[in-house]
Amino acid sequence: MRSPAAEWYHDAVDWAVTSGAILGYGDGTFGPGNTLTRAEMATILCRLAGEPEADLEGLPSDVPAGEWYANGVAWALAEGVFGGGAAGLEPGRALTRSEGAAILWNWETCG
């Protein structure tokens, strides 16, 4: 699961794995070149916050309570880190850079 030491992102990936912020995929891969989804970002930030249990009531209709990312999304919404829109949270949609910047700013200012 570790990235090759020669890659520019090696130290960051090692930190992410060691801290538990990013666990990788179920098949043991990390996917450093993959797109980050909104569900993954919510889960990462929730893990960095210590994985507090969140109230799963009132999740957007496109976030089933039984999904692996439900607690992270519920936490991110409750903390004001994420906001859902008219279309719901769209958990599987790729995160844009502007959304990522806004989410990180919200995370920094909410905590």
N, C-alpha and C. Protein backbone atom coordinates (compact mmCIF):
# COMPACT_ATOMS: atom_id res chain seq x y z
N MET A 1 0.82 -1.18 0.00
CA MET A 1 0.00 0.00 0.00
C MET A 1 0.87 1.25 0.00
N ARG A 2 2.10 1.17 0.31
CA ARG A 2 2.98 2.33 0.33
C ARG A 2 3.40 2.71 -1.09
N SER A 3 3.57 4.00 -1.30
CA SER A 3 3.98 4.48 -2.61
C SER A 3 5.49 4.32 -2.77
N PRO A 4 5.95 4.27 -4.01
CA PRO A 4 7.39 4.19 -4.23
C PRO A 4 8.09 5.42 -3.64
N ALA A 5 9.21 5.22 -3.02
CA ALA A 5 9.92 6.30 -2.33
C ALA A 5 10.34 7.43 -3.25
N ALA A 6 10.47 7.18 -4.53
CA ALA A 6 10.91 8.22 -5.47
C ALA A 6 9.79 9.17 -5.87
N GLU A 7 8.54 8.84 -5.59
CA GLU A 7 7.43 9.69 -5.99
C GLU A 7 7.35 10.93 -5.11
N TRP A 8 6.94 12.05 -5.73
CA TRP A 8 6.88 13.33 -5.02
C TRP A 8 5.89 13.30 -3.84
N TYR A 9 4.91 12.42 -3.88
CA TYR A 9 3.87 12.36 -2.85
C TYR A 9 4.16 11.32 -1.77
N HIS A 10 5.32 10.67 -1.84
CA HIS A 10 5.63 9.56 -0.94
C HIS A 10 5.43 9.91 0.54
N ASP A 11 6.01 10.99 1.01
CA ASP A 11 5.91 11.35 2.43
C ASP A 11 4.47 11.63 2.84
N ALA A 12 3.72 12.30 1.96
CA ALA A 12 2.32 12.60 2.27
C ALA A 12 1.49 11.32 2.34
N VAL A 13 1.73 10.40 1.42
CA VAL A 13 1.00 9.13 1.43
C VAL A 13 1.37 8.33 2.67
N ASP A 14 2.62 8.29 3.03
CA ASP A 14 3.02 7.60 4.25
C ASP A 14 2.32 8.18 5.47
N TRP A 15 2.25 9.51 5.54
CA TRP A 15 1.56 10.16 6.66
C TRP A 15 0.09 9.78 6.67
N ALA A 16 -0.55 9.83 5.50
CA ALA A 16 -1.98 9.54 5.41
C ALA A 16 -2.29 8.11 5.85
N VAL A 17 -1.44 7.18 5.46
CA VAL A 17 -1.63 5.78 5.84
C VAL A 17 -1.33 5.59 7.33
N THR A 18 -0.22 6.13 7.79
CA THR A 18 0.20 5.97 9.18
C THR A 18 -0.80 6.61 10.15
N SER A 19 -1.32 7.78 9.78
CA SER A 19 -2.27 8.49 10.65
C SER A 19 -3.65 7.84 10.64
N GLY A 20 -3.91 7.02 9.64
CA GLY A 20 -5.23 6.41 9.51
C GLY A 20 -6.22 7.28 8.77
N ALA A 21 -5.77 8.42 8.26
CA ALA A 21 -6.67 9.32 7.54
C ALA A 21 -7.19 8.68 6.26
N ILE A 22 -6.33 7.95 5.57
CA ILE A 22 -6.71 7.26 4.35
C ILE A 22 -6.26 5.81 4.49
N LEU A 23 -7.20 4.91 4.38
CA LEU A 23 -6.90 3.49 4.57
C LEU A 23 -6.62 2.77 3.27
N GLY A 24 -6.91 3.39 2.15
CA GLY A 24 -6.75 2.73 0.87
C GLY A 24 -8.00 1.96 0.52
N TYR A 25 -7.94 1.25 -0.57
CA TYR A 25 -9.07 0.48 -1.05
C TYR A 25 -9.05 -0.92 -0.46
N GLY A 26 -10.16 -1.59 -0.54
CA GLY A 26 -10.29 -2.93 0.02
C GLY A 26 -9.32 -3.94 -0.56
N ASP A 27 -8.79 -3.66 -1.75
CA ASP A 27 -7.85 -4.60 -2.38
C ASP A 27 -6.40 -4.31 -1.99
N GLY A 28 -6.18 -3.39 -1.04
CA GLY A 28 -4.84 -3.08 -0.58
C GLY A 28 -4.11 -2.00 -1.36
N THR A 29 -4.76 -1.43 -2.36
CA THR A 29 -4.12 -0.36 -3.13
C THR A 29 -4.47 1.00 -2.55
N PHE A 30 -3.68 2.00 -2.93
CA PHE A 30 -3.88 3.35 -2.42
C PHE A 30 -4.50 4.27 -3.47
N GLY A 31 -4.07 4.19 -4.70
CA GLY A 31 -4.64 5.00 -5.78
C GLY A 31 -4.30 6.47 -5.73
N PRO A 32 -3.02 6.85 -5.60
CA PRO A 32 -2.67 8.26 -5.48
C PRO A 32 -3.05 9.11 -6.68
N GLY A 33 -3.25 8.50 -7.82
CA GLY A 33 -3.65 9.27 -9.00
C GLY A 33 -5.15 9.28 -9.24
N ASN A 34 -5.90 8.63 -8.36
CA ASN A 34 -7.35 8.57 -8.52
C ASN A 34 -8.01 9.87 -8.09
N THR A 35 -9.20 10.09 -8.60
CA THR A 35 -10.00 11.24 -8.22
C THR A 35 -10.55 11.04 -6.81
N LEU A 36 -10.58 12.09 -6.03
CA LEU A 36 -11.13 12.05 -4.67
C LEU A 36 -12.61 12.38 -4.74
N THR A 37 -13.45 11.53 -4.15
CA THR A 37 -14.88 11.80 -4.15
C THR A 37 -15.27 12.59 -2.91
N ARG A 38 -16.47 13.13 -2.97
CA ARG A 38 -16.99 13.88 -1.83
C ARG A 38 -17.13 12.98 -0.60
N ALA A 39 -17.55 11.73 -0.81
CA ALA A 39 -17.67 10.79 0.31
C ALA A 39 -16.31 10.50 0.93
N GLU A 40 -15.29 10.34 0.10
CA GLU A 40 -13.95 10.07 0.62
C GLU A 40 -13.42 11.25 1.42
N MET A 41 -13.64 12.47 0.93
CA MET A 41 -13.15 13.65 1.64
C MET A 41 -13.82 13.79 3.00
N ALA A 42 -15.14 13.58 3.05
CA ALA A 42 -15.85 13.65 4.33
C ALA A 42 -15.31 12.61 5.30
N THR A 43 -15.06 11.41 4.80
CA THR A 43 -14.55 10.32 5.65
C THR A 43 -13.14 10.63 6.16
N ILE A 44 -12.29 11.15 5.30
CA ILE A 44 -10.92 11.50 5.70
C ILE A 44 -10.94 12.54 6.82
N LEU A 45 -11.72 13.59 6.65
CA LEU A 45 -11.75 14.65 7.67
C LEU A 45 -12.36 14.14 8.97
N CYS A 46 -13.37 13.27 8.88
CA CYS A 46 -13.95 12.68 10.08
C CYS A 46 -12.91 11.83 10.81
N ARG A 47 -12.13 11.07 10.07
CA ARG A 47 -11.06 10.27 10.69
C ARG A 47 -10.04 11.16 11.38
N LEU A 48 -9.68 12.25 10.73
CA LEU A 48 -8.71 13.18 11.34
C LEU A 48 -9.27 13.83 12.60
N ALA A 49 -10.59 13.91 12.70
CA ALA A 49 -11.24 14.46 13.90
C ALA A 49 -11.41 13.40 14.99
N GLY A 50 -10.93 12.19 14.73
CA GLY A 50 -11.02 11.12 15.72
C GLY A 50 -12.21 10.20 15.53
N GLU A 51 -12.85 10.27 14.40
CA GLU A 51 -14.01 9.46 14.04
C GLU A 51 -15.13 9.53 15.08
N PRO A 52 -15.57 10.73 15.40
CA PRO A 52 -16.69 10.81 16.35
C PRO A 52 -17.95 10.22 15.72
N GLU A 53 -18.75 9.60 16.53
CA GLU A 53 -20.03 9.04 16.05
C GLU A 53 -20.95 10.21 15.73
N ALA A 54 -21.60 10.12 14.59
CA ALA A 54 -22.51 11.17 14.17
C ALA A 54 -23.93 10.61 14.09
N ASP A 55 -24.90 11.48 14.21
CA ASP A 55 -26.30 11.11 14.10
C ASP A 55 -26.63 10.88 12.63
N LEU A 56 -27.02 9.67 12.30
CA LEU A 56 -27.31 9.33 10.91
C LEU A 56 -28.72 9.70 10.49
N GLU A 57 -29.51 10.23 11.40
CA GLU A 57 -30.86 10.70 11.05
C GLU A 57 -30.74 11.96 10.22
N GLY A 58 -31.54 12.07 9.22
CA GLY A 58 -31.56 13.29 8.43
C GLY A 58 -30.49 13.38 7.36
N LEU A 59 -29.85 12.24 7.04
CA LEU A 59 -28.87 12.25 5.95
C LEU A 59 -29.58 12.58 4.65
N PRO A 60 -28.88 13.21 3.71
CA PRO A 60 -29.49 13.45 2.40
C PRO A 60 -29.94 12.13 1.78
N SER A 61 -30.93 12.19 0.93
CA SER A 61 -31.51 10.97 0.37
C SER A 61 -30.52 10.15 -0.45
N ASP A 62 -29.44 10.78 -0.92
CA ASP A 62 -28.45 10.04 -1.71
C ASP A 62 -27.31 9.48 -0.86
N VAL A 63 -27.51 9.48 0.47
CA VAL A 63 -26.51 8.93 1.38
C VAL A 63 -27.20 7.89 2.27
N PRO A 64 -27.22 6.63 1.84
CA PRO A 64 -27.83 5.58 2.66
C PRO A 64 -27.06 5.38 3.97
N ALA A 65 -27.79 5.23 5.06
CA ALA A 65 -27.17 5.11 6.39
C ALA A 65 -26.24 3.92 6.51
N GLY A 66 -26.39 2.89 5.69
CA GLY A 66 -25.55 1.71 5.78
C GLY A 66 -24.26 1.77 4.98
N GLU A 67 -24.03 2.85 4.26
CA GLU A 67 -22.82 2.95 3.43
C GLU A 67 -21.59 3.24 4.30
N TRP A 68 -20.42 2.84 3.81
CA TRP A 68 -19.15 3.00 4.55
C TRP A 68 -18.85 4.46 4.87
N TYR A 69 -19.38 5.37 4.11
CA TYR A 69 -19.08 6.79 4.28
C TYR A 69 -20.16 7.56 5.05
N ALA A 70 -21.24 6.89 5.46
CA ALA A 70 -22.38 7.57 6.08
C ALA A 70 -21.99 8.35 7.33
N ASN A 71 -21.21 7.76 8.23
CA ASN A 71 -20.82 8.47 9.45
C ASN A 71 -19.98 9.70 9.12
N GLY A 72 -19.05 9.57 8.20
CA GLY A 72 -18.22 10.71 7.82
C GLY A 72 -19.04 11.84 7.23
N VAL A 73 -19.98 11.50 6.38
CA VAL A 73 -20.84 12.51 5.77
C VAL A 73 -21.72 13.16 6.84
N ALA A 74 -22.34 12.35 7.71
CA ALA A 74 -23.19 12.90 8.77
C ALA A 74 -22.39 13.84 9.66
N TRP A 75 -21.17 13.45 10.01
CA TRP A 75 -20.32 14.30 10.83
C TRP A 75 -19.99 15.61 10.10
N ALA A 76 -19.59 15.50 8.84
CA ALA A 76 -19.21 16.69 8.07
C ALA A 76 -20.37 17.66 7.91
N LEU A 77 -21.57 17.14 7.72
CA LEU A 77 -22.75 18.00 7.61
C LEU A 77 -23.06 18.65 8.96
N ALA A 78 -23.01 17.87 10.04
CA ALA A 78 -23.32 18.40 11.37
C ALA A 78 -22.33 19.47 11.80
N GLU A 79 -21.07 19.31 11.42
CA GLU A 79 -20.04 20.27 11.80
C GLU A 79 -19.99 21.50 10.89
N GLY A 80 -20.73 21.46 9.79
CA GLY A 80 -20.71 22.57 8.85
C GLY A 80 -19.54 22.52 7.89
N VAL A 81 -18.85 21.39 7.85
CA VAL A 81 -17.71 21.23 6.95
C VAL A 81 -18.21 21.04 5.52
N PHE A 82 -19.31 20.32 5.38
CA PHE A 82 -19.95 20.06 4.10
C PHE A 82 -21.35 20.67 4.13
N GLY A 83 -21.85 20.95 2.97
CA GLY A 83 -23.24 21.33 2.82
C GLY A 83 -23.82 20.54 1.67
N GLY A 84 -25.04 20.09 1.82
CA GLY A 84 -25.71 19.40 0.72
C GLY A 84 -26.39 20.44 -0.15
N GLY A 85 -26.70 20.08 -1.33
CA GLY A 85 -27.42 20.99 -2.22
C GLY A 85 -28.77 20.42 -2.56
N ALA A 86 -29.44 21.04 -3.50
CA ALA A 86 -30.75 20.57 -3.93
C ALA A 86 -30.67 19.14 -4.47
N ALA A 87 -29.53 18.78 -5.04
CA ALA A 87 -29.34 17.44 -5.60
C ALA A 87 -28.88 16.45 -4.54
N GLY A 88 -28.76 16.86 -3.30
CA GLY A 88 -28.23 16.00 -2.25
C GLY A 88 -26.74 16.24 -2.09
N LEU A 89 -26.06 15.28 -1.51
CA LEU A 89 -24.62 15.45 -1.29
C LEU A 89 -23.80 14.98 -2.48
N GLU A 90 -24.34 14.12 -3.29
CA GLU A 90 -23.62 13.54 -4.42
C GLU A 90 -22.30 12.91 -3.96
N PRO A 91 -22.38 11.91 -3.08
CA PRO A 91 -21.18 11.35 -2.46
C PRO A 91 -20.17 10.74 -3.43
N GLY A 92 -20.63 10.23 -4.55
CA GLY A 92 -19.71 9.59 -5.50
C GLY A 92 -19.12 10.54 -6.52
N ARG A 93 -19.54 11.81 -6.47
CA ARG A 93 -19.04 12.77 -7.45
C ARG A 93 -17.64 13.22 -7.07
N ALA A 94 -16.83 13.41 -8.09
CA ALA A 94 -15.46 13.90 -7.87
C ALA A 94 -15.49 15.28 -7.24
N LEU A 95 -14.58 15.50 -6.34
CA LEU A 95 -14.44 16.79 -5.67
C LEU A 95 -13.67 17.73 -6.58
N THR A 96 -14.19 18.93 -6.80
CA THR A 96 -13.45 19.91 -7.58
C THR A 96 -12.44 20.60 -6.68
N ARG A 97 -11.49 21.26 -7.27
CA ARG A 97 -10.48 21.98 -6.48
C ARG A 97 -11.12 23.09 -5.65
N SER A 98 -12.09 23.79 -6.24
CA SER A 98 -12.73 24.86 -5.50
C SER A 98 -13.54 24.30 -4.33
N GLU A 99 -14.21 23.16 -4.54
CA GLU A 99 -14.94 22.54 -3.43
C GLU A 99 -13.96 22.07 -2.36
N GLY A 100 -12.86 21.47 -2.79
CA GLY A 100 -11.86 21.02 -1.82
C GLY A 100 -11.33 22.17 -0.99
N ALA A 101 -11.06 23.29 -1.62
CA ALA A 101 -10.56 24.46 -0.88
C ALA A 101 -11.62 24.96 0.11
N ALA A 102 -12.87 25.03 -0.34
CA ALA A 102 -13.95 25.49 0.55
C ALA A 102 -14.15 24.52 1.72
N ILE A 103 -14.10 23.23 1.44
CA ILE A 103 -14.28 22.23 2.49
C ILE A 103 -13.14 22.31 3.50
N LEU A 104 -11.92 22.44 3.04
CA LEU A 104 -10.79 22.57 3.97
C LEU A 104 -10.88 23.84 4.79
N TRP A 105 -11.34 24.92 4.17
CA TRP A 105 -11.51 26.18 4.92
C TRP A 105 -12.59 26.00 5.98
N ASN A 106 -13.72 25.37 5.60
CA ASN A 106 -14.78 25.11 6.57
C ASN A 106 -14.26 24.25 7.72
N TRP A 107 -13.50 23.22 7.38
CA TRP A 107 -12.96 22.31 8.39
C TRP A 107 -12.04 23.06 9.35
N GLU A 108 -11.21 23.91 8.81
CA GLU A 108 -10.27 24.68 9.63
C GLU A 108 -11.01 25.67 10.53
N THR A 109 -12.04 26.31 10.03
CA THR A 109 -12.73 27.33 10.80
C THR A 109 -13.80 26.76 11.72
N CYS A 110 -14.28 25.55 11.45
CA CYS A 110 -15.30 24.94 12.30
C CYS A 110 -14.68 24.26 13.53
N GLY A 111 -13.45 23.81 13.37
CA GLY A 111 -12.82 23.04 14.45
C GLY A 111 -12.11 23.91 15.36
